[in-house]
């Protein structure tokens, strides 16, 4: 009886020791803003830097009096939230420009005149 009780106690102690060594798995919800910004912020920062390297943007910045040496340091000093806002504005820019109603009417009138003449 003592030997079976001893074996039971050792088995129980061994099981308890194994139970303490097993890591506990947790399935908590992780908010997106904790995971996504790490990779997304770097991508958006690259987008802003690529936009500022365009020749047309460089010309506009020179006209406005922004020095090239200060530009890089100021972009590096922006927070992730500011970079996200700038990248969002870059995405919202019209690709080919936008026509006013006056320009659209002139184009239509010219097209109608050409169609009538030909």
N, C-alpha and C. Protein backbone atom coordinates (compact mmCIF):
# COMPACT_ATOMS: atom_id res chain seq x y z
N UNK A 1 0.81 -1.17 0.00
CA UNK A 1 0.00 0.00 0.00
C UNK A 1 0.87 1.26 0.00
N UNK A 2 1.99 1.19 0.79
CA UNK A 2 2.88 2.33 0.83
C UNK A 2 3.52 2.58 -0.52
N UNK A 3 3.86 1.53 -1.23
CA UNK A 3 4.51 1.72 -2.52
C UNK A 3 3.56 2.33 -3.55
N UNK A 4 2.32 1.95 -3.54
CA UNK A 4 1.36 2.54 -4.49
C UNK A 4 1.05 3.99 -4.10
N UNK A 5 1.03 4.25 -2.78
CA UNK A 5 0.79 5.62 -2.33
C UNK A 5 2.00 6.49 -2.69
N UNK A 6 3.19 5.96 -2.54
CA UNK A 6 4.41 6.69 -2.89
C UNK A 6 4.46 6.97 -4.39
N UNK A 7 4.11 5.98 -5.18
CA UNK A 7 4.07 6.16 -6.64
C UNK A 7 3.04 7.21 -7.00
N UNK A 8 1.90 7.20 -6.34
CA UNK A 8 0.84 8.19 -6.60
C UNK A 8 1.30 9.59 -6.25
N UNK A 9 1.99 9.73 -5.11
CA UNK A 9 2.49 11.04 -4.70
C UNK A 9 3.54 11.55 -5.69
N UNK A 10 4.46 10.67 -6.09
CA UNK A 10 5.47 11.08 -7.07
C UNK A 10 4.84 11.43 -8.42
N UNK A 11 3.85 10.66 -8.82
CA UNK A 11 3.15 10.96 -10.08
C UNK A 11 2.44 12.30 -10.00
N UNK A 12 1.81 12.58 -8.86
CA UNK A 12 1.13 13.85 -8.66
C UNK A 12 2.12 15.00 -8.64
N UNK A 13 3.24 14.84 -7.97
CA UNK A 13 4.29 15.88 -7.96
C UNK A 13 4.88 16.09 -9.35
N UNK A 14 5.08 15.01 -10.07
CA UNK A 14 5.61 15.12 -11.44
C UNK A 14 4.63 15.86 -12.35
N UNK A 15 3.34 15.54 -12.23
CA UNK A 15 2.30 16.21 -13.03
C UNK A 15 2.22 17.69 -12.66
N UNK A 16 2.33 18.02 -11.38
CA UNK A 16 2.30 19.42 -10.94
C UNK A 16 3.50 20.18 -11.48
N UNK A 17 4.68 19.54 -11.46
CA UNK A 17 5.88 20.18 -11.99
C UNK A 17 5.74 20.44 -13.48
N UNK A 18 5.22 19.47 -14.21
CA UNK A 18 4.99 19.66 -15.64
C UNK A 18 3.97 20.76 -15.90
N UNK A 19 2.93 20.82 -15.09
CA UNK A 19 1.90 21.83 -15.27
C UNK A 19 2.47 23.23 -15.06
N UNK A 20 3.40 23.38 -14.14
CA UNK A 20 4.02 24.68 -13.89
C UNK A 20 4.96 25.10 -15.01
N UNK A 21 5.53 24.13 -15.72
CA UNK A 21 6.47 24.45 -16.79
C UNK A 21 5.77 24.81 -18.10
N UNK A 22 4.54 24.39 -18.27
CA UNK A 22 3.82 24.64 -19.52
C UNK A 22 3.37 26.10 -19.55
N UNK A 23 3.70 26.83 -20.61
CA UNK A 23 3.27 28.23 -20.69
C UNK A 23 1.76 28.31 -20.91
N UNK A 24 1.20 29.35 -20.36
CA UNK A 24 -0.24 29.55 -20.48
C UNK A 24 -0.51 30.32 -21.77
N UNK A 25 -1.38 29.80 -22.60
CA UNK A 25 -1.74 30.48 -23.84
C UNK A 25 -2.90 31.42 -23.56
N UNK A 26 -2.76 32.65 -24.08
CA UNK A 26 -3.84 33.63 -23.94
C UNK A 26 -4.30 34.05 -25.31
N UNK A 27 -5.57 34.23 -25.46
CA UNK A 27 -6.15 34.64 -26.74
C UNK A 27 -6.83 35.98 -26.57
N UNK A 28 -6.05 37.01 -26.25
CA UNK A 28 -6.60 38.34 -26.09
C UNK A 28 -6.71 39.02 -27.46
N UNK A 29 -7.64 39.93 -27.56
CA UNK A 29 -7.78 40.72 -28.77
C UNK A 29 -6.69 41.79 -28.76
N UNK A 30 -6.02 41.95 -29.88
CA UNK A 30 -4.97 42.95 -30.01
C UNK A 30 -5.51 44.05 -30.91
N UNK A 31 -5.55 45.29 -30.41
CA UNK A 31 -6.04 46.38 -31.26
C UNK A 31 -5.14 46.57 -32.48
N UNK A 32 -5.75 46.94 -33.58
CA UNK A 32 -5.01 47.12 -34.82
C UNK A 32 -3.96 48.21 -34.71
N UNK A 33 -4.28 49.27 -33.98
CA UNK A 33 -3.33 50.37 -33.88
C UNK A 33 -2.06 50.01 -33.12
N UNK A 34 -2.06 48.88 -32.40
CA UNK A 34 -0.84 48.43 -31.75
C UNK A 34 0.03 47.61 -32.69
N UNK A 35 -0.58 46.97 -33.69
CA UNK A 35 0.16 46.08 -34.57
C UNK A 35 0.49 46.76 -35.90
N UNK A 36 -0.47 47.38 -36.52
CA UNK A 36 -0.31 47.93 -37.86
C UNK A 36 0.66 49.09 -37.98
N UNK A 37 0.66 50.05 -37.07
CA UNK A 37 1.51 51.22 -37.30
C UNK A 37 2.99 50.93 -37.41
N UNK A 38 3.45 49.82 -36.86
CA UNK A 38 4.88 49.54 -36.92
C UNK A 38 5.36 49.45 -38.37
N UNK A 39 4.68 48.67 -39.17
CA UNK A 39 5.07 48.53 -40.57
C UNK A 39 4.47 49.62 -41.44
N UNK A 40 3.28 50.06 -41.09
CA UNK A 40 2.58 51.05 -41.89
C UNK A 40 3.25 52.41 -41.78
N UNK A 41 3.73 52.77 -40.62
CA UNK A 41 4.37 54.07 -40.44
C UNK A 41 5.62 54.18 -41.30
N UNK A 42 6.38 53.13 -41.40
CA UNK A 42 7.58 53.15 -42.24
C UNK A 42 7.21 53.28 -43.71
N UNK A 43 6.15 52.59 -44.13
CA UNK A 43 5.70 52.68 -45.51
C UNK A 43 5.21 54.08 -45.84
N UNK A 44 4.44 54.67 -44.93
CA UNK A 44 3.93 56.02 -45.16
C UNK A 44 5.05 57.05 -45.14
N UNK A 45 6.05 56.84 -44.28
CA UNK A 45 7.20 57.76 -44.25
C UNK A 45 7.96 57.69 -45.58
N UNK A 46 8.11 56.48 -46.13
CA UNK A 46 8.77 56.33 -47.43
C UNK A 46 7.96 57.01 -48.53
N UNK A 47 6.63 56.93 -48.44
CA UNK A 47 5.77 57.57 -49.44
C UNK A 47 5.95 59.08 -49.41
N UNK A 48 6.01 59.67 -48.22
CA UNK A 48 6.19 61.12 -48.10
C UNK A 48 7.56 61.52 -48.63
N UNK A 49 8.59 60.75 -48.28
CA UNK A 49 9.94 61.07 -48.76
C UNK A 49 10.03 60.95 -50.28
N UNK A 50 9.38 59.94 -50.86
CA UNK A 50 9.39 59.78 -52.31
C UNK A 50 8.65 60.94 -52.98
N UNK A 51 7.58 61.39 -52.36
CA UNK A 51 6.83 62.53 -52.91
C UNK A 51 7.69 63.78 -52.90
N UNK A 52 8.42 63.98 -51.82
CA UNK A 52 9.26 65.19 -51.71
C UNK A 52 10.47 65.14 -52.63
N UNK A 53 10.83 63.97 -53.14
CA UNK A 53 11.96 63.86 -54.05
C UNK A 53 11.58 64.12 -55.50
N UNK A 54 10.30 64.25 -55.80
CA UNK A 54 9.87 64.54 -57.17
C UNK A 54 10.39 65.90 -57.60
N UNK A 55 10.70 66.01 -58.90
CA UNK A 55 11.27 67.24 -59.43
C UNK A 55 10.30 68.41 -59.30
N UNK A 56 9.02 68.18 -59.58
CA UNK A 56 8.04 69.28 -59.50
C UNK A 56 7.89 69.77 -58.06
N UNK A 57 7.92 68.85 -57.12
CA UNK A 57 7.81 69.24 -55.71
C UNK A 57 9.06 69.99 -55.28
N UNK A 58 10.22 69.53 -55.73
CA UNK A 58 11.48 70.21 -55.40
C UNK A 58 11.45 71.65 -55.92
N UNK A 59 10.94 71.84 -57.14
CA UNK A 59 10.87 73.19 -57.71
C UNK A 59 9.95 74.08 -56.88
N UNK A 60 8.78 73.54 -56.50
CA UNK A 60 7.84 74.32 -55.69
C UNK A 60 8.44 74.68 -54.33
N UNK A 61 9.16 73.75 -53.74
CA UNK A 61 9.77 74.01 -52.45
C UNK A 61 10.85 75.08 -52.56
N UNK A 62 11.61 75.07 -53.66
CA UNK A 62 12.63 76.10 -53.86
C UNK A 62 11.99 77.47 -54.03
N UNK A 63 10.84 77.50 -54.75
CA UNK A 63 10.13 78.77 -54.92
C UNK A 63 9.64 79.28 -53.57
N UNK A 64 9.21 78.37 -52.72
CA UNK A 64 8.73 78.76 -51.39
C UNK A 64 9.87 79.07 -50.42
N UNK A 65 11.10 78.78 -50.80
CA UNK A 65 12.25 79.11 -49.97
C UNK A 65 12.65 78.04 -48.97
N UNK A 66 12.22 76.81 -49.20
CA UNK A 66 12.58 75.71 -48.30
C UNK A 66 13.93 75.15 -48.74
N UNK A 67 14.86 75.05 -47.80
CA UNK A 67 16.20 74.55 -48.12
C UNK A 67 16.20 73.03 -48.08
N UNK A 68 16.95 72.42 -48.99
CA UNK A 68 17.02 70.96 -49.08
C UNK A 68 17.60 70.34 -47.80
N UNK A 69 18.54 71.03 -47.19
CA UNK A 69 19.19 70.48 -46.00
C UNK A 69 18.22 70.38 -44.82
N UNK A 70 17.31 71.32 -44.72
CA UNK A 70 16.35 71.31 -43.62
C UNK A 70 15.19 70.35 -43.87
N UNK A 71 14.92 70.07 -45.14
CA UNK A 71 13.75 69.27 -45.48
C UNK A 71 13.83 67.86 -44.89
N UNK A 72 14.95 67.19 -45.06
CA UNK A 72 15.11 65.82 -44.56
C UNK A 72 14.99 65.77 -43.03
N UNK A 73 15.62 66.72 -42.36
CA UNK A 73 15.56 66.71 -40.90
C UNK A 73 14.15 67.01 -40.39
N UNK A 74 13.42 67.83 -41.11
CA UNK A 74 12.05 68.14 -40.68
C UNK A 74 11.11 66.97 -40.92
N UNK A 75 11.32 66.25 -42.01
CA UNK A 75 10.50 65.06 -42.26
C UNK A 75 10.80 64.00 -41.21
N UNK A 76 12.06 63.85 -40.84
CA UNK A 76 12.43 62.87 -39.80
C UNK A 76 11.86 63.25 -38.44
N UNK A 77 11.63 64.53 -38.21
CA UNK A 77 11.11 64.99 -36.92
C UNK A 77 9.60 64.85 -36.81
N UNK A 78 8.91 64.55 -37.91
CA UNK A 78 7.45 64.41 -37.86
C UNK A 78 7.05 63.17 -37.09
N UNK A 79 5.94 63.26 -36.37
CA UNK A 79 5.43 62.10 -35.65
C UNK A 79 4.74 61.15 -36.64
N UNK A 80 4.45 59.95 -36.19
CA UNK A 80 3.78 58.97 -37.04
C UNK A 80 2.39 59.45 -37.45
N UNK A 81 1.72 60.15 -36.57
CA UNK A 81 0.38 60.67 -36.88
C UNK A 81 0.47 61.74 -37.98
N UNK A 82 1.46 62.62 -37.89
CA UNK A 82 1.63 63.65 -38.91
C UNK A 82 2.00 63.03 -40.26
N UNK A 83 2.85 62.01 -40.23
CA UNK A 83 3.21 61.31 -41.46
C UNK A 83 1.98 60.64 -42.07
N UNK A 84 1.12 60.05 -41.22
CA UNK A 84 -0.09 59.40 -41.72
C UNK A 84 -1.00 60.41 -42.39
N UNK A 85 -1.13 61.60 -41.81
CA UNK A 85 -1.96 62.64 -42.41
C UNK A 85 -1.39 63.11 -43.74
N UNK A 86 -0.08 63.31 -43.81
CA UNK A 86 0.55 63.73 -45.06
C UNK A 86 0.41 62.67 -46.15
N UNK A 87 0.61 61.42 -45.79
CA UNK A 87 0.47 60.34 -46.77
C UNK A 87 -0.97 60.25 -47.26
N UNK A 88 -1.93 60.49 -46.39
CA UNK A 88 -3.33 60.51 -46.80
C UNK A 88 -3.61 61.65 -47.77
N UNK A 89 -3.01 62.79 -47.55
CA UNK A 89 -3.18 63.92 -48.47
C UNK A 89 -2.52 63.63 -49.82
N UNK A 90 -1.40 62.96 -49.80
CA UNK A 90 -0.73 62.61 -51.06
C UNK A 90 -1.62 61.67 -51.87
N UNK A 91 -2.25 60.71 -51.19
CA UNK A 91 -3.14 59.79 -51.89
C UNK A 91 -4.37 60.48 -52.44
N UNK A 92 -4.80 61.58 -51.80
CA UNK A 92 -6.00 62.28 -52.22
C UNK A 92 -5.76 63.29 -53.33
N UNK A 93 -4.50 63.57 -53.66
CA UNK A 93 -4.20 64.54 -54.71
C UNK A 93 -4.69 64.04 -56.06
N UNK A 94 -5.23 64.94 -56.88
CA UNK A 94 -5.63 64.51 -58.23
C UNK A 94 -4.40 64.17 -59.07
N UNK A 95 -4.52 63.11 -59.83
CA UNK A 95 -3.37 62.63 -60.60
C UNK A 95 -3.07 63.53 -61.80
N UNK A 96 -4.10 63.96 -62.50
CA UNK A 96 -3.86 64.74 -63.70
C UNK A 96 -4.34 66.16 -63.59
N UNK A 97 -4.69 66.60 -62.45
CA UNK A 97 -5.24 67.92 -62.28
C UNK A 97 -6.74 67.86 -62.42
N UNK A 98 -7.39 68.98 -62.20
CA UNK A 98 -8.84 69.00 -62.33
C UNK A 98 -9.25 70.18 -63.21
N UNK A 99 -10.29 69.96 -63.95
CA UNK A 99 -10.80 71.00 -64.84
C UNK A 99 -11.89 71.78 -64.15
N UNK A 100 -11.88 73.09 -64.42
CA UNK A 100 -12.99 73.91 -63.93
C UNK A 100 -14.12 73.81 -64.94
N UNK A 101 -15.28 74.30 -64.55
CA UNK A 101 -16.42 74.25 -65.47
C UNK A 101 -16.17 75.10 -66.72
N UNK A 102 -15.48 76.22 -66.57
CA UNK A 102 -15.17 77.07 -67.72
C UNK A 102 -14.28 76.33 -68.72
N UNK A 103 -13.27 75.66 -68.22
CA UNK A 103 -12.37 74.91 -69.11
C UNK A 103 -13.11 73.78 -69.80
N UNK A 104 -14.00 73.12 -69.08
CA UNK A 104 -14.77 72.03 -69.66
C UNK A 104 -15.71 72.53 -70.75
N UNK A 105 -16.35 73.68 -70.53
CA UNK A 105 -17.24 74.26 -71.54
C UNK A 105 -16.45 74.66 -72.78
N UNK A 106 -15.28 75.25 -72.61
CA UNK A 106 -14.45 75.63 -73.76
C UNK A 106 -14.05 74.40 -74.56
N UNK A 107 -13.65 73.34 -73.90
CA UNK A 107 -13.27 72.10 -74.60
C UNK A 107 -14.45 71.53 -75.36
N UNK A 108 -15.64 71.54 -74.75
CA UNK A 108 -16.83 71.04 -75.44
C UNK A 108 -17.20 71.91 -76.64
N UNK A 109 -17.09 73.21 -76.50
CA UNK A 109 -17.38 74.11 -77.62
C UNK A 109 -16.41 73.89 -78.78
N UNK A 110 -15.14 73.75 -78.46
CA UNK A 110 -14.14 73.48 -79.51
C UNK A 110 -14.43 72.15 -80.19
N UNK A 111 -14.78 71.13 -79.40
CA UNK A 111 -15.10 69.82 -79.98
C UNK A 111 -16.32 69.90 -80.88
N UNK A 112 -17.34 70.67 -80.47
CA UNK A 112 -18.54 70.81 -81.31
C UNK A 112 -18.21 71.57 -82.58
N UNK A 113 -17.42 72.64 -82.49
CA UNK A 113 -17.02 73.39 -83.67
C UNK A 113 -16.23 72.54 -84.65
N UNK A 114 -15.33 71.72 -84.13
CA UNK A 114 -14.54 70.86 -85.00
C UNK A 114 -15.45 69.82 -85.66
N UNK A 115 -16.42 69.30 -84.92
CA UNK A 115 -17.34 68.31 -85.48
C UNK A 115 -18.22 68.93 -86.56
N UNK A 116 -18.62 70.18 -86.39
CA UNK A 116 -19.46 70.86 -87.39
C UNK A 116 -18.66 71.16 -88.65
N UNK A 117 -17.43 71.63 -88.47
CA UNK A 117 -16.60 72.02 -89.61
C UNK A 117 -16.17 70.79 -90.41
N UNK A 118 -15.84 69.73 -89.78
CA UNK A 118 -15.36 68.54 -90.49
C UNK A 118 -16.53 67.77 -90.93
